[in-house]
PDB file of N, CA and C in Angstrom:
ATOM      1  N   LYS A   1      82.205 125.345  87.413  1.00  0.00           N
ATOM      2  CA  LYS A   1      82.309 124.517  88.326  1.00  0.00           C
ATOM      3  C   LYS A   1      83.901 123.930  88.384  1.00  0.00           C
ATOM      4  N   TRP A   2      84.538 123.915  87.284  1.00  0.00           N
ATOM      5  CA  TRP A   2      85.865 123.403  87.339  1.00  0.00           C
ATOM      6  C   TRP A   2      86.814 124.354  87.492  1.00  0.00           C
ATOM      7  N   ALA A   3      86.591 125.747  87.365  1.00  0.00           N
ATOM      8  CA  ALA A   3      87.609 126.608  87.230  1.00  0.00           C
ATOM      9  C   ALA A   3      87.883 127.338  88.762  1.00  0.00           C
ATOM     10  N   ALA A   4      88.994 127.144  89.267  1.00  0.00           N
ATOM     11  CA  ALA A   4      89.309 127.695  90.552  1.00  0.00           C
ATOM     12  C   ALA A   4      89.058 129.049  90.861  1.00  0.00           C
ATOM     13  N   PRO A   5      88.839 129.608  91.973  1.00  0.00           N
ATOM     14  CA  PRO A   5      88.133 130.785  92.210  1.00  0.00           C
ATOM     15  C   PRO A   5      89.232 131.905  91.753  1.00  0.00           C
ATOM     16  N   GLU A   6      90.487 131.542  92.060  1.00  0.00           N
ATOM     17  CA  GLU A   6      91.432 132.647  91.532  1.00  0.00           C
ATOM     18  C   GLU A   6      91.550 132.708  90.144  1.00  0.00           C
ATOM     19  N   VAL A   7      91.362 131.781  89.377  1.00  0.00           N
ATOM     20  CA  VAL A   7      91.294 131.889  87.922  1.00  0.00           C
ATOM     21  C   VAL A   7      89.991 132.605  87.518  1.00  0.00           C
ATOM     22  N   GLN A   8      88.868 132.254  88.201  1.00  0.00           N
ATOM     23  CA  GLN A   8      87.802 133.038  87.817  1.00  0.00           C
ATOM     24  C   GLN A   8      87.807 134.716  88.255  1.00  0.00           C
ATOM     25  N   ARG A   9      88.704 134.881  88.942  1.00  0.00           N
ATOM     26  CA  ARG A   9      89.007 136.309  89.385  1.00  0.00           C
ATOM     27  C   ARG A   9      90.183 136.923  88.297  1.00  0.00           C
ATOM     28  N   GLY A  10      90.511 136.138  87.334  1.00  0.00           N
ATOM     29  CA  GLY A  10      91.356 136.545  86.408  1.00  0.00           C
ATOM     30  C   GLY A  10      92.930 136.271  86.475  1.00  0.00           C
ATOM     31  N   ARG A  11      93.377 135.575  87.769  1.00  0.00           N
ATOM     32  CA  ARG A  11      94.633 135.381  88.066  1.00  0.00           C
ATOM     33  C   ARG A  11      95.217 134.103  87.109  1.00  0.00           C
ATOM     34  N   ARG A  12      96.410 134.146  86.621  1.00  0.00           N
ATOM     35  CA  ARG A  12      96.961 133.064  85.776  1.00  0.00           C
ATOM     36  C   ARG A  12      96.886 131.696  86.626  1.00  0.00           C
ATOM     37  N   PRO A  13      96.448 130.590  85.749  1.00  0.00           N
ATOM     38  CA  PRO A  13      96.225 129.241  86.252  1.00  0.00           C
ATOM     39  C   PRO A  13      97.766 129.001  86.882  1.00  0.00           C
ATOM     40  N   THR A  14      97.698 128.010  87.980  1.00  0.00           N
ATOM     41  CA  THR A  14      98.727 127.385  88.494  1.00  0.00           C
ATOM     42  C   THR A  14      98.311 125.915  88.831  1.00  0.00           C
ATOM     43  N   PRO A  15      99.382 125.141  89.164  1.00  0.00           N
ATOM     44  CA  PRO A  15      99.027 123.622  89.542  1.00  0.00           C
ATOM     45  C   PRO A  15      98.086 123.515  90.613  1.00  0.00           C
ATOM     46  N   ALA A  16      97.840 124.615  91.653  1.00  0.00           N
ATOM     47  CA  ALA A  16      96.918 124.470  92.580  1.00  0.00           C
ATOM     48  C   ALA A  16      95.292 124.629  91.952  1.00  0.00           C
ATOM     49  N   ALA A  17      95.285 125.370  90.713  1.00  0.00           N
ATOM     50  CA  ALA A  17      94.074 125.573  89.861  1.00  0.00           C
ATOM     51  C   ALA A  17      93.521 124.160  89.463  1.00  0.00           C
ATOM     52  N   ASP A  18      94.705 123.379  88.989  1.00  0.00           N
ATOM     53  CA  ASP A  18      94.350 121.954  88.390  1.00  0.00           C
ATOM     54  C   ASP A  18      93.860 121.047  89.728  1.00  0.00           C
ATOM     55  N   VAL A  19      94.402 121.282  90.802  1.00  0.00           N
ATOM     56  CA  VAL A  19      93.995 120.436  91.911  1.00  0.00           C
ATOM     57  C   VAL A  19      92.526 120.656  92.107  1.00  0.00           C
ATOM     58  N   TYR A  20      92.153 122.110  92.042  1.00  0.00           N
ATOM     59  CA  TYR A  20      90.808 122.390  92.151  1.00  0.00           C
ATOM     60  C   TYR A  20      89.876 121.598  91.320  1.00  0.00           C
ATOM     61  N   ALA A  21      90.199 121.596  90.108  1.00  0.00           N
ATOM     62  CA  ALA A  21      89.420 120.797  89.115  1.00  0.00           C
ATOM     63  C   ALA A  21      89.466 119.395  89.537  1.00  0.00           C
ATOM     64  N   LEU A  22      90.653 118.639  90.110  1.00  0.00           N
ATOM     65  CA  LEU A  22      90.545 117.290  90.256  1.00  0.00           C
ATOM     66  C   LEU A  22      89.621 117.285  91.547  1.00  0.00           C
ATOM     67  N   GLY A  23      89.517 118.251  92.437  1.00  0.00           N
ATOM     68  CA  GLY A  23      88.775 118.000  93.649  1.00  0.00           C
ATOM     69  C   GLY A  23      87.371 117.986  93.400  1.00  0.00           C
ATOM     70  N   VAL A  24      86.842 118.753  92.208  1.00  0.00           N
ATOM     71  CA  VAL A  24      85.426 118.589  91.651  1.00  0.00           C
ATOM     72  C   VAL A  24      85.327 117.197  91.362  1.00  0.00           C
ATOM     73  N   MET A  25      86.302 116.582  90.492  1.00  0.00           N
ATOM     74  CA  MET A  25      86.214 115.030  90.119  1.00  0.00           C
ATOM     75  C   MET A  25      86.039 114.271  91.300  1.00  0.00           C
ATOM     76  N   LEU A  26      86.804 114.334  92.403  1.00  0.00           N
ATOM     77  CA  LEU A  26      86.885 113.486  93.485  1.00  0.00           C
ATOM     78  C   LEU A  26      85.776 113.573  94.227  1.00  0.00           C
ATOM     79  N   GLU A  27      85.075 114.792  94.415  1.00  0.00           N
ATOM     80  CA  GLU A  27      83.875 114.928  95.305  1.00  0.00           C
ATOM     81  C   GLU A  27      82.851 114.145  94.396  1.00  0.00           C
ATOM     82  N   ASP A  28      82.840 114.316  93.171  1.00  0.00           N
ATOM     83  CA  ASP A  28      81.672 113.680  92.142  1.00  0.00           C
ATOM     84  C   ASP A  28      81.890 112.148  92.012  1.00  0.00           C
ATOM     85  N   LEU A  29      82.976 111.646  92.291  1.00  0.00           N
ATOM     86  CA  LEU A  29      83.229 110.205  91.935  1.00  0.00           C
ATOM     87  C   LEU A  29      82.415 109.249  92.642  1.00  0.00           C
ATOM     88  N   PRO A  30      82.117 109.534  93.878  1.00  0.00           N
ATOM     89  CA  PRO A  30      81.217 108.624  94.381  1.00  0.00           C
ATOM     90  C   PRO A  30      79.755 108.578  93.834  1.00  0.00           C
ATOM     91  N   ASN A  31      79.190 109.805  93.524  1.00  0.00           N
ATOM     92  CA  ASN A  31      77.827 109.724  93.089  1.00  0.00           C
ATOM     93  C   ASN A  31      77.790 109.067  91.480  1.00  0.00           C
ATOM     94  N   ASP A  32      79.031 109.439  90.770  1.00  0.00           N
ATOM     95  CA  ASP A  32      79.083 108.851  89.497  1.00  0.00           C
ATOM     96  C   ASP A  32      79.257 107.338  89.478  1.00  0.00           C
ATOM     97  N   CYS A  33      79.815 106.892  90.370  1.00  0.00           N
ATOM     98  CA  CYS A  33      80.080 105.259  90.515  1.00  0.00           C
ATOM     99  C   CYS A  33      78.735 104.674  90.981  1.00  0.00           C
ATOM    100  N   THR A  34      77.850 105.418  91.829  1.00  0.00           N
ATOM    101  CA  THR A  34      76.675 104.923  92.026  1.00  0.00           C
ATOM    102  C   THR A  34      75.707 104.916  90.869  1.00  0.00           C
ATOM    103  N   ARG A  35      75.756 105.952  90.132  1.00  0.00           N
ATOM    104  CA  ARG A  35      74.987 106.026  88.884  1.00  0.00           C
ATOM    105  C   ARG A  35      75.252 104.834  87.897  1.00  0.00           C
ATOM    106  N   ALA A  36      76.602 104.595  87.784  1.00  0.00           N
ATOM    107  CA  ALA A  36      77.162 103.422  87.000  1.00  0.00           C
ATOM    108  C   ALA A  36      76.895 102.218  87.447  1.00  0.00           C
ATOM    109  N   ARG A  37      76.110 102.228  88.635  1.00  0.00           N
ATOM    110  CA  ARG A  37      75.860 100.802  89.397  1.00  0.00           C
ATOM    111  C   ARG A  37      76.902 100.087  89.889  1.00  0.00           C
ATOM    112  N   HIS A  38      78.196 100.859  90.242  1.00  0.00           N
ATOM    113  CA  HIS A  38      79.257 100.306  90.930  1.00  0.00           C
ATOM    114  C   HIS A  38      79.561 101.233  92.096  1.00  0.00           C
ATOM    115  N   PRO A  39      78.523 101.275  93.199  1.00  0.00           N
ATOM    116  CA  PRO A  39      78.753 102.232  94.294  1.00  0.00           C
ATOM    117  C   PRO A  39      80.316 101.843  95.148  1.00  0.00           C
ATOM    118  N   LEU A  40      80.682 102.954  95.514  1.00  0.00           N
ATOM    119  CA  LEU A  40      81.896 102.750  96.362  1.00  0.00           C
ATOM    120  C   LEU A  40      81.513 102.553  97.894  1.00  0.00           C
ATOM    121  N   PRO A  41      82.328 101.703  98.552  1.00  0.00           N
ATOM    122  CA  PRO A  41      82.051 101.557 100.082  1.00  0.00           C
ATOM    123  C   PRO A  41      81.840 102.972 100.774  1.00  0.00           C
ATOM    124  N   ASN A  42      80.937 102.913 101.674  1.00  0.00           N
ATOM    125  CA  ASN A  42      80.715 104.252 102.390  1.00  0.00           C
ATOM    126  C   ASN A  42      81.942 104.976 103.041  1.00  0.00           C
ATOM    127  N   GLY A  43      82.753 104.274 103.477  1.00  0.00           N
ATOM    128  CA  GLY A  43      83.966 104.962 104.010  1.00  0.00           C
ATOM    129  C   GLY A  43      84.850 105.620 102.972  1.00  0.00           C
ATOM    130  N   LEU A  44      85.204 104.889 101.660  1.00  0.00           N
ATOM    131  CA  LEU A  44      85.806 105.344 100.724  1.00  0.00           C
ATOM    132  C   LEU A  44      85.066 106.578 100.209  1.00  0.00           C
ATOM    133  N   ALA A  45      83.923 106.550  99.811  1.00  0.00           N
ATOM    134  CA  ALA A  45      83.099 107.649  99.381  1.00  0.00           C
ATOM    135  C   ALA A  45      83.220 108.924 100.183  1.00  0.00           C
ATOM    136  N   ARG A  46      83.013 108.519 101.540  1.00  0.00           N
ATOM    137  CA  ARG A  46      83.121 109.852 102.519  1.00  0.00           C
ATOM    138  C   ARG A  46      84.501 110.504 102.396  1.00  0.00           C
ATOM    139  N   GLN A  47      85.662 109.722 102.453  1.00  0.00           N
ATOM    140  CA  GLN A  47      86.854 110.226 102.248  1.00  0.00           C
ATOM    141  C   GLN A  47      87.182 110.963 100.985  1.00  0.00           C
ATOM    142  N   LEU A  48      86.774 110.397  99.819  1.00  0.00           N
ATOM    143  CA  LEU A  48      86.831 110.908  98.631  1.00  0.00           C
ATOM    144  C   LEU A  48      86.105 112.349  98.600  1.00  0.00           C
ATOM    145  N   ARG A  49      84.903 112.364  99.094  1.00  0.00           N
ATOM    146  CA  ARG A  49      84.243 113.715  99.060  1.00  0.00           C
ATOM    147  C   ARG A  49      84.983 114.631  99.989  1.00  0.00           C
ATOM    148  N   HIS A  50      85.425 114.304 101.128  1.00  0.00           N
ATOM    149  CA  HIS A  50      86.326 115.227 102.073  1.00  0.00           C
ATOM    150  C   HIS A  50      87.453 115.639 101.305  1.00  0.00           C
ATOM    151  N   LEU A  51      88.275 114.850 100.645  1.00  0.00           N
ATOM    152  CA  LEU A  51      89.350 115.438 100.114  1.00  0.00           C
ATOM    153  C   LEU A  51      89.012 116.114  98.938  1.00  0.00           C
ATOM    154  N   GLY A  52      87.953 115.911  98.241  1.00  0.00           N
ATOM    155  CA  GLY A  52      87.546 116.577  97.168  1.00  0.00           C
ATOM    156  C   GLY A  52      87.251 118.096  97.495  1.00  0.00           C
ATOM    157  N   ARG A  53      86.533 118.036  98.726  1.00  0.00           N
ATOM    158  CA  ARG A  53      86.093 119.402  99.204  1.00  0.00           C
ATOM    159  C   ARG A  53      87.351 120.282  99.564  1.00  0.00           C
ATOM    160  N   ARG A  54      88.468 119.583 100.127  1.00  0.00           N
ATOM    161  CA  ARG A  54      89.746 120.071 100.664  1.00  0.00           C
ATOM    162  C   ARG A  54      90.436 120.654  99.341  1.00  0.00           C
ATOM    163  N   ALA A  55      90.397 119.897  98.179  1.00  0.00           N
ATOM    164  CA  ALA A  55      91.029 120.259  97.112  1.00  0.00           C
ATOM    165  C   ALA A  55      90.194 121.434  96.455  1.00  0.00           C
ATOM    166  N   GLN A  56      89.158 121.834  96.780  1.00  0.00           N
ATOM    167  CA  GLN A  56      88.376 122.784  96.070  1.00  0.00           C
ATOM    168  C   GLN A  56      88.452 123.957  97.123  1.00  0.00           C
ATOM    169  N   SER A  57      89.142 123.941  98.100  1.00  0.00           N
ATOM    170  CA  SER A  57      89.145 125.062  99.232  1.00  0.00           C
ATOM    171  C   SER A  57      89.392 126.468  98.284  1.00  0.00           C
ATOM    172  N   GLU A  58      88.827 127.459  98.816  1.00  0.00           N
ATOM    173  CA  GLU A  58      89.249 128.788  98.239  1.00  0.00           C
ATOM    174  C   GLU A  58      90.742 129.232  98.810  1.00  0.00           C
ATOM    175  N   SER A  59      90.966 128.731  99.997  1.00  0.00           N
ATOM    176  CA  SER A  59      92.112 129.060 100.596  1.00  0.00           C
ATOM    177  C   SER A  59      93.537 128.314 100.017  1.00  0.00           C
ATOM    178  N   LEU A  60      94.256 128.828  99.488  1.00  0.00           N
ATOM    179  CA  LEU A  60      95.591 128.053  98.844  1.00  0.00           C
ATOM    180  C   LEU A  60      96.374 127.603  99.907  1.00  0.00           C
ATOM    181  N   ASP A  61      96.117 127.777 101.295  1.00  0.00           N
ATOM    182  CA  ASP A  61      96.687 127.389 102.439  1.00  0.00           C
ATOM    183  C   ASP A  61      96.207 125.950 102.650  1.00  0.00           C
ATOM    184  N   VAL A  62      95.001 125.602 102.372  1.00  0.00           N
ATOM    185  CA  VAL A  62      94.258 124.624 102.611  1.00  0.00           C
ATOM    186  C   VAL A  62      94.257 123.618 101.414  1.00  0.00           C
ATOM    187  N   ARG A  63      94.124 124.000 100.322  1.00  0.00           N
ATOM    188  CA  ARG A  63      94.112 123.267  99.181  1.00  0.00           C
ATOM    189  C   ARG A  63      95.551 122.663  98.767  1.00  0.00           C
ATOM    190  N   PRO A  64      95.782 121.514  98.389  1.00  0.00           N
ATOM    191  CA  PRO A  64      97.048 120.889  98.155  1.00  0.00           C
ATOM    192  C   PRO A  64      97.640 121.544  96.947  1.00  0.00           C
ATOM    193  N   ALA A  65      98.956 121.924  96.916  1.00  0.00           N
ATOM    194  CA  ALA A  65      99.667 122.909  95.889  1.00  0.00           C
ATOM    195  C   ALA A  65      99.714 122.552  94.581  1.00  0.00           C
ATOM    196  N   ASP A  66      99.678 120.958  94.625  1.00  0.00           N
ATOM    197  CA  ASP A  66      99.835 120.582  93.128  1.00  0.00           C
ATOM    198  C   ASP A  66      99.299 119.097  93.226  1.00  0.00           C
ATOM    199  N   ALA A  67      99.351 118.392  92.016  1.00  0.00           N
ATOM    200  CA  ALA A  67      98.955 116.995  92.016  1.00  0.00           C
ATOM    201  C   ALA A  67      99.622 115.898  92.742  1.00  0.00           C
ATOM    202  N   GLY A  68     101.011 116.188  92.956  1.00  0.00           N
ATOM    203  CA  GLY A  68     101.867 115.387  93.804  1.00  0.00           C
ATOM    204  C   GLY A  68     101.385 115.452  95.249  1.00  0.00           C
ATOM    205  N   ALA A  69     101.168 116.626  95.822  1.00  0.00           N
ATOM    206  CA  ALA A  69     100.510 116.822  97.153  1.00  0.00           C
ATOM    207  C   ALA A  69      99.300 116.137  97.198  1.00  0.00           C
ATOM    208  N   LEU A  70      98.422 116.309  96.269  1.00  0.00           N
ATOM    209  CA  LEU A  70      96.971 115.648  96.225  1.00  0.00           C
ATOM    210  C   LEU A  70      97.303 114.209  96.421  1.00  0.00           C
ATOM    211  N   LEU A  71      97.967 113.604  95.554  1.00  0.00           N
ATOM    212  CA  LEU A  71      98.245 112.178  95.699  1.00  0.00           C
ATOM    213  C   LEU A  71      98.909 111.714  97.041  1.00  0.00           C
ATOM    214  N   ARG A  72      99.619 112.602  97.480  1.00  0.00           N
ATOM    215  CA  ARG A  72     100.231 112.192  98.992  1.00  0.00           C
ATOM    216  C   ARG A  72      99.084 112.179  99.880  1.00  0.00           C
ATOM    217  N   HIS A  73      98.022 113.106  99.680  1.00  0.00           N
ATOM    218  CA  HIS A  73      96.884 113.163 100.597  1.00  0.00           C
ATOM    219  C   HIS A  73      96.052 111.673 100.393  1.00  0.00           C
ATOM    220  N   LEU A  74      95.888 111.489  99.137  1.00  0.00           N
ATOM    221  CA  LEU A  74      95.250 110.154  98.771  1.00  0.00           C
ATOM    222  C   LEU A  74      95.829 108.971  99.348  1.00  0.00           C
ATOM    223  N   SER A  75      97.160 108.822  99.185  1.00  0.00           N
ATOM    224  CA  SER A  75      97.999 107.762  99.536  1.00  0.00           C
ATOM    225  C   SER A  75      98.070 107.924 101.205  1.00  0.00           C
ATOM    226  N   GLY A  76      97.910 108.768 101.857  1.00  0.00           N
ATOM    227  CA  GLY A  76      98.098 108.986 103.237  1.00  0.00           C
ATOM    228  C   GLY A  76      96.721 108.791 103.917  1.00  0.00           C
ATOM    229  N   ALA A  77      95.541 108.981 103.248  1.00  0.00           N
ATOM    230  CA  ALA A  77      94.346 108.868 103.677  1.00  0.00           C
ATOM    231  C   ALA A  77      94.108 107.272 104.035  1.00  0.00           C
ATOM    232  N   SER A  78      93.127 106.916 104.917  1.00  0.00           N
ATOM    233  CA  SER A  78      92.904 105.679 105.068  1.00  0.00           C
ATOM    234  C   SER A  78      91.962 105.075 103.988  1.00  0.00           C
ATOM    235  N   LEU A  79      92.176 105.425 102.873  1.00  0.00           N
ATOM    236  CA  LEU A  79      91.232 104.914 101.620  1.00  0.00           C
ATOM    237  C   LEU A  79      91.521 103.415 101.565  1.00  0.00           C
ATOM    238  N   THR A  80      92.393 102.792 101.886  1.00  0.00           N
ATOM    239  CA  THR A  80      92.557 101.215 102.046  1.00  0.00           C
ATOM    240  C   THR A  80      92.253 100.583 103.323  1.00  0.00           C
ATOM    241  N   ALA A  81      91.712 101.364 104.112  1.00  0.00           N
ATOM    242  CA  ALA A  81      91.414 100.810 105.436  1.00  0.00           C
ATOM    243  C   ALA A  81      90.048 100.331 105.598  1.00  0.00           C
ATOM    244  N   ALA A  82      89.291 100.208 104.540  1.00  0.00           N
ATOM    245  CA  ALA A  82      87.754  99.653 104.531  1.00  0.00           C
ATOM    246  C   ALA A  82      87.899  98.269 104.955  1.00  0.00           C
ATOM    247  N   SER A  83      86.868  97.892 105.820  1.00  0.00           N
ATOM    248  CA  SER A  83      86.689  96.339 106.140  1.00  0.00           C
ATOM    249  C   SER A  83      86.518  95.581 104.957  1.00  0.00           C
ATOM    250  N   SER A  84      86.582  94.316 105.110  1.00  0.00           N
ATOM    251  CA  SER A  84      86.537  93.481 104.007  1.00  0.00           C
ATOM    252  C   SER A  84      85.048  93.474 103.576  1.00  0.00           C
ATOM    253  N   ALA A  85      84.172  93.783 104.337  1.00  0.00           N
ATOM    254  CA  ALA A  85      82.668  93.970 103.965  1.00  0.00           C
ATOM    255  C   ALA A  85      82.465  95.117 103.119  1.00  0.00           C
ATOM    256  N   GLU A  86      83.465  96.118 103.234  1.00  0.00           N
ATOM    257  CA  GLU A  86      83.394  97.478 102.564  1.00  0.00           C
ATOM    258  C   GLU A  86      84.278  97.448 101.338  1.00  0.00           C
ATOM    259  N   ARG A  87      85.280  96.629 101.228  1.00  0.00           N
ATOM    260  CA  ARG A  87      86.038  96.708 100.058  1.00  0.00           C
ATOM    261  C   ARG A  87      85.403  96.895  98.559  1.00  0.00           C
ATOM    262  N   PRO A  88      85.951  97.679  97.939  1.00  0.00           N
ATOM    263  CA  PRO A  88      85.139  98.080  96.701  1.00  0.00           C
ATOM    264  C   PRO A  88      85.138  96.942  95.610  1.00  0.00           C
ATOM    265  N   ARG A  89      84.127  96.858  94.982  1.00  0.00           N
ATOM    266  CA  ARG A  89      84.096  95.709  93.957  1.00  0.00           C
ATOM    267  C   ARG A  89      85.224  96.160  92.827  1.00  0.00           C
ATOM    268  N   ARG A  90      85.410  95.338  91.889  1.00  0.00           N
ATOM    269  CA  ARG A  90      86.192  95.451  90.846  1.00  0.00           C
ATOM    270  C   ARG A  90      86.114  96.676  89.989  1.00  0.00           C
ATOM    271  N   GLY A  91      84.763  96.941  89.647  1.00  0.00           N
ATOM    272  CA  GLY A  91      84.475  98.078  89.058  1.00  0.00           C
ATOM    273  C   GLY A  91      84.668  99.464  89.568  1.00  0.00           C
ATOM    274  N   SER A  92      84.366  99.381  91.021  1.00  0.00           N
ATOM    275  CA  SER A  92      84.695 100.537  91.757  1.00  0.00           C
ATOM    276  C   SER A  92      86.216 100.930  91.729  1.00  0.00           C
ATOM    277  N   ALA A  93      87.216  99.793  91.890  1.00  0.00           N
ATOM    278  CA  ALA A  93      88.473  99.922  91.889  1.00  0.00           C
ATOM    279  C   ALA A  93      88.974 100.565  90.637  1.00  0.00           C
ATOM    280  N   VAL A  94      88.410  99.977  89.532  1.00  0.00           N
ATOM    281  CA  VAL A  94      88.711 100.328  88.086  1.00  0.00           C
ATOM    282  C   VAL A  94      88.536 101.884  88.131  1.00  0.00           C
ATOM    283  N   ALA A  95      87.312 102.288  88.566  1.00  0.00           N
ATOM    284  CA  ALA A  95      87.040 103.640  88.345  1.00  0.00           C
ATOM    285  C   ALA A  95      87.924 104.617  89.120  1.00  0.00           C
ATOM    286  N   LEU A  96      88.162 104.145  90.305  1.00  0.00           N
ATOM    287  CA  LEU A  96      89.217 105.166  91.207  1.00  0.00           C
ATOM    288  C   LEU A  96      90.554 105.053  90.516  1.00  0.00           C
ATOM    289  N   THR A  97      90.987 103.832  89.953  1.00  0.00           N
ATOM    290  CA  THR A  97      92.346 103.789  89.379  1.00  0.00           C
ATOM    291  C   THR A  97      92.226 104.705  88.114  1.00  0.00           C
ATOM    292  N   ALA A  98      91.205 104.676  87.294  1.00  0.00           N
ATOM    293  CA  ALA A  98      91.163 105.649  86.028  1.00  0.00           C
ATOM    294  C   ALA A  98      91.264 107.012  86.477  1.00  0.00           C
ATOM    295  N   LEU A  99      90.543 107.350  87.721  1.00  0.00           N
ATOM    296  CA  LEU A  99      90.613 108.743  88.095  1.00  0.00           C
ATOM    297  C   LEU A  99      92.082 109.218  88.202  1.00  0.00           C
ATOM    298  N   LEU A 100      92.661 108.394  89.074  1.00  0.00           N
ATOM    299  CA  LEU A 100      94.019 108.761  89.653  1.00  0.00           C
ATOM    300  C   LEU A 100      95.021 108.689  88.344  1.00  0.00           C
TER     301      LEU A 100
END
């Protein structure tokens, strides 16, 4: 689950392969937070899943090249644009911060 497709095919790991593993975590984070009874706001959960799937793209042209590029995508996304009713509780914010 964590190994990038190119690594599974025997290629040498690159920073993009690390991004793939981070993508697995990003996609799983909303469900993990819900199981821990700290659900993320729907908009944030949706965006994290979307970014996680992008980070897991088999195409290296779609996948962020390294953790810095992934962080720029996270920063550039409207992750902070949740309405006040959708703002994450402290536990959710802590979980997201720990991931980053």
